[in-house]
Amino acid sequence: MAGHTNNVGDVTLDANQATTAVTDQRVNVNSAVILVPTSANALADVVGTGVYVSSIGDDTFTITHPNNANADKTFKYVIVG
């Protein structure tokens, strides 16, 4: 379909951890990764302490986020480039 991309995915942040590693063969060191929260706890972390992509490599990227026990912190992501 026109206007759609296959460079999308879903990720749930690891509970009781400060980072979550994501493996995706479509990402490389020249990519940008955009995160969109899809749950209330994910949005609360974005608004509170913050959630961001802290490193991008070939086939992987790392998300830094608050270290809490919430297990339902889900995001959609888009890989650009």
N, C-alpha and C. Protein backbone atom coordinates (compact mmCIF):
# COMPACT_ATOMS: atom_id res chain seq x y z
N MET A 1 0.83 -1.18 0.00
CA MET A 1 0.00 0.00 0.00
C MET A 1 0.87 1.24 0.00
N ALA A 2 0.45 2.22 -0.73
CA ALA A 2 1.20 3.47 -0.78
C ALA A 2 1.16 4.16 0.58
N GLY A 3 2.27 4.74 0.96
CA GLY A 3 2.33 5.47 2.21
C GLY A 3 2.64 4.62 3.44
N HIS A 4 2.80 3.33 3.26
CA HIS A 4 3.11 2.45 4.38
C HIS A 4 4.58 2.05 4.33
N THR A 5 5.11 1.73 5.47
CA THR A 5 6.51 1.32 5.55
C THR A 5 6.62 -0.01 6.26
N ASN A 6 7.61 -0.78 5.90
CA ASN A 6 7.87 -2.04 6.58
C ASN A 6 8.91 -1.87 7.68
N ASN A 7 9.37 -0.65 7.90
CA ASN A 7 10.41 -0.40 8.89
C ASN A 7 9.81 -0.01 10.23
N VAL A 8 8.85 -0.82 10.71
CA VAL A 8 8.21 -0.57 11.99
C VAL A 8 8.31 -1.80 12.86
N GLY A 9 8.20 -1.61 14.17
CA GLY A 9 8.24 -2.73 15.09
C GLY A 9 7.63 -2.35 16.43
N ASP A 10 7.54 -3.33 17.31
CA ASP A 10 7.03 -3.14 18.66
C ASP A 10 8.10 -3.58 19.65
N VAL A 11 8.14 -2.91 20.79
CA VAL A 11 9.08 -3.29 21.85
C VAL A 11 8.42 -3.02 23.20
N THR A 12 8.64 -3.92 24.14
CA THR A 12 8.25 -3.71 25.53
C THR A 12 9.52 -3.55 26.34
N LEU A 13 9.62 -2.43 27.05
CA LEU A 13 10.84 -2.16 27.82
C LEU A 13 10.98 -3.16 28.96
N ASP A 14 12.20 -3.53 29.25
CA ASP A 14 12.48 -4.49 30.32
C ASP A 14 12.19 -3.86 31.68
N ALA A 15 11.39 -4.56 32.49
CA ALA A 15 11.11 -4.10 33.85
C ALA A 15 12.35 -4.27 34.72
N ASN A 16 12.49 -3.40 35.70
CA ASN A 16 13.61 -3.44 36.67
C ASN A 16 14.97 -3.36 35.99
N GLN A 17 15.03 -2.70 34.87
CA GLN A 17 16.28 -2.46 34.14
C GLN A 17 16.29 -1.01 33.69
N ALA A 18 17.47 -0.46 33.45
CA ALA A 18 17.59 0.92 32.98
C ALA A 18 17.76 1.01 31.47
N THR A 19 17.98 -0.13 30.81
CA THR A 19 18.11 -0.15 29.36
C THR A 19 17.42 -1.39 28.80
N THR A 20 17.05 -1.28 27.53
CA THR A 20 16.49 -2.41 26.79
C THR A 20 17.18 -2.45 25.44
N ALA A 21 17.77 -3.59 25.09
CA ALA A 21 18.41 -3.77 23.78
C ALA A 21 17.39 -4.38 22.82
N VAL A 22 17.36 -3.85 21.61
CA VAL A 22 16.46 -4.33 20.57
C VAL A 22 17.30 -4.80 19.39
N THR A 23 17.05 -6.01 18.93
CA THR A 23 17.72 -6.54 17.75
C THR A 23 16.77 -6.44 16.56
N ASP A 24 17.21 -5.78 15.52
CA ASP A 24 16.40 -5.62 14.31
C ASP A 24 17.36 -5.48 13.14
N GLN A 25 17.29 -6.40 12.21
CA GLN A 25 18.23 -6.42 11.08
C GLN A 25 18.08 -5.23 10.15
N ARG A 26 17.01 -4.46 10.29
CA ARG A 26 16.79 -3.31 9.40
C ARG A 26 17.50 -2.05 9.87
N VAL A 27 18.04 -2.05 11.09
CA VAL A 27 18.69 -0.86 11.63
C VAL A 27 20.20 -0.94 11.39
N ASN A 28 20.82 0.22 11.16
CA ASN A 28 22.28 0.28 11.02
C ASN A 28 22.76 1.59 11.65
N VAL A 29 24.05 1.77 11.68
CA VAL A 29 24.64 2.92 12.39
C VAL A 29 24.19 4.26 11.81
N ASN A 30 23.68 4.29 10.59
CA ASN A 30 23.21 5.53 9.98
C ASN A 30 21.72 5.75 10.14
N SER A 31 21.03 4.87 10.84
CA SER A 31 19.58 4.96 11.02
C SER A 31 19.22 5.92 12.14
N ALA A 32 17.98 6.38 12.09
CA ALA A 32 17.34 7.08 13.20
C ALA A 32 16.17 6.20 13.63
N VAL A 33 15.94 6.13 14.93
CA VAL A 33 14.84 5.32 15.47
C VAL A 33 13.90 6.25 16.23
N ILE A 34 12.62 6.21 15.87
CA ILE A 34 11.61 7.04 16.51
C ILE A 34 10.72 6.15 17.37
N LEU A 35 10.53 6.52 18.63
CA LEU A 35 9.70 5.75 19.56
C LEU A 35 8.36 6.44 19.78
N VAL A 36 7.28 5.65 19.83
CA VAL A 36 5.94 6.16 20.11
C VAL A 36 5.33 5.29 21.21
N PRO A 37 5.02 5.87 22.38
CA PRO A 37 4.44 5.07 23.46
C PRO A 37 3.04 4.59 23.11
N THR A 38 2.72 3.33 23.47
CA THR A 38 1.40 2.78 23.18
C THR A 38 0.69 2.29 24.44
N SER A 39 1.26 2.53 25.61
CA SER A 39 0.61 2.18 26.87
C SER A 39 0.74 3.34 27.85
N ALA A 40 -0.11 3.35 28.84
CA ALA A 40 -0.10 4.45 29.82
C ALA A 40 1.23 4.51 30.57
N ASN A 41 1.78 3.36 30.96
CA ASN A 41 3.05 3.37 31.69
C ASN A 41 4.20 3.81 30.79
N ALA A 42 4.15 3.48 29.52
CA ALA A 42 5.19 3.96 28.59
C ALA A 42 5.14 5.48 28.49
N LEU A 43 3.95 6.02 28.33
CA LEU A 43 3.80 7.47 28.25
C LEU A 43 4.24 8.14 29.55
N ALA A 44 3.91 7.56 30.68
CA ALA A 44 4.32 8.12 31.98
C ALA A 44 5.84 8.19 32.08
N ASP A 45 6.54 7.18 31.59
CA ASP A 45 8.01 7.19 31.62
C ASP A 45 8.58 8.26 30.69
N VAL A 46 7.95 8.46 29.53
CA VAL A 46 8.40 9.49 28.60
C VAL A 46 8.25 10.87 29.23
N VAL A 47 7.11 11.12 29.83
CA VAL A 47 6.82 12.43 30.43
C VAL A 47 7.63 12.64 31.70
N GLY A 48 7.85 11.57 32.46
CA GLY A 48 8.59 11.67 33.72
C GLY A 48 10.07 11.84 33.48
N THR A 49 10.81 10.79 33.67
CA THR A 49 12.27 10.82 33.57
C THR A 49 12.76 10.88 32.14
N GLY A 50 12.03 10.25 31.22
CA GLY A 50 12.40 10.25 29.81
C GLY A 50 12.76 8.88 29.31
N VAL A 51 12.51 8.66 28.05
CA VAL A 51 12.84 7.42 27.34
C VAL A 51 13.47 7.85 26.03
N TYR A 52 14.65 7.30 25.71
CA TYR A 52 15.32 7.71 24.48
C TYR A 52 16.21 6.59 23.95
N VAL A 53 16.49 6.66 22.65
CA VAL A 53 17.42 5.72 22.02
C VAL A 53 18.82 6.23 22.32
N SER A 54 19.58 5.46 23.09
CA SER A 54 20.89 5.92 23.54
C SER A 54 22.04 5.45 22.67
N SER A 55 21.83 4.40 21.87
CA SER A 55 22.87 3.98 20.93
C SER A 55 22.24 3.19 19.80
N ILE A 56 22.85 3.30 18.63
CA ILE A 56 22.40 2.58 17.44
C ILE A 56 23.61 1.95 16.78
N GLY A 57 23.51 0.68 16.48
CA GLY A 57 24.57 -0.05 15.79
C GLY A 57 23.98 -0.86 14.65
N ASP A 58 24.79 -1.65 14.01
CA ASP A 58 24.30 -2.52 12.96
C ASP A 58 23.48 -3.63 13.61
N ASP A 59 22.21 -3.74 13.22
CA ASP A 59 21.27 -4.77 13.67
C ASP A 59 20.80 -4.60 15.11
N THR A 60 21.10 -3.49 15.77
CA THR A 60 20.68 -3.33 17.16
C THR A 60 20.58 -1.86 17.55
N PHE A 61 19.73 -1.58 18.53
CA PHE A 61 19.72 -0.27 19.18
C PHE A 61 19.35 -0.47 20.64
N THR A 62 19.73 0.51 21.46
CA THR A 62 19.48 0.44 22.90
C THR A 62 18.62 1.61 23.32
N ILE A 63 17.62 1.30 24.15
CA ILE A 63 16.72 2.32 24.69
C ILE A 63 17.05 2.49 26.17
N THR A 64 17.28 3.73 26.59
CA THR A 64 17.51 4.05 28.00
C THR A 64 16.18 4.57 28.57
N HIS A 65 15.84 4.08 29.77
CA HIS A 65 14.52 4.39 30.34
C HIS A 65 14.57 4.27 31.86
N PRO A 66 13.52 4.73 32.57
CA PRO A 66 13.50 4.59 34.03
C PRO A 66 13.52 3.12 34.46
N ASN A 67 14.20 2.89 35.55
CA ASN A 67 14.31 1.55 36.12
C ASN A 67 13.17 1.40 37.14
N ASN A 68 12.08 0.76 36.71
CA ASN A 68 10.96 0.53 37.62
C ASN A 68 10.33 -0.83 37.31
N ALA A 69 9.38 -1.23 38.14
CA ALA A 69 8.80 -2.58 38.03
C ALA A 69 7.67 -2.69 37.02
N ASN A 70 7.27 -1.59 36.39
CA ASN A 70 6.18 -1.65 35.41
C ASN A 70 6.58 -2.53 34.23
N ALA A 71 5.75 -3.53 33.94
CA ALA A 71 6.08 -4.49 32.90
C ALA A 71 5.36 -4.22 31.58
N ASP A 72 4.48 -3.25 31.56
CA ASP A 72 3.68 -3.02 30.35
C ASP A 72 4.05 -1.71 29.65
N LYS A 73 5.34 -1.42 29.57
CA LYS A 73 5.81 -0.20 28.91
C LYS A 73 6.09 -0.53 27.44
N THR A 74 5.06 -0.42 26.62
CA THR A 74 5.18 -0.81 25.22
C THR A 74 5.28 0.42 24.30
N PHE A 75 6.05 0.23 23.24
CA PHE A 75 6.28 1.28 22.25
C PHE A 75 6.20 0.69 20.84
N LYS A 76 5.78 1.51 19.91
CA LYS A 76 5.99 1.25 18.49
C LYS A 76 7.27 1.99 18.14
N TYR A 77 8.03 1.46 17.18
CA TYR A 77 9.19 2.20 16.70
C TYR A 77 9.22 2.20 15.19
N VAL A 78 9.83 3.25 14.65
CA VAL A 78 10.02 3.41 13.20
C VAL A 78 11.51 3.59 12.97
N ILE A 79 12.03 2.85 12.01
CA ILE A 79 13.44 2.99 11.62
C ILE A 79 13.48 3.83 10.35
N VAL A 80 14.24 4.92 10.41
CA VAL A 80 14.40 5.80 9.25
C VAL A 80 15.84 5.69 8.80
N GLY A 81 16.02 5.33 7.54
CA GLY A 81 17.37 5.22 6.98
C GLY A 81 18.00 3.88 7.15
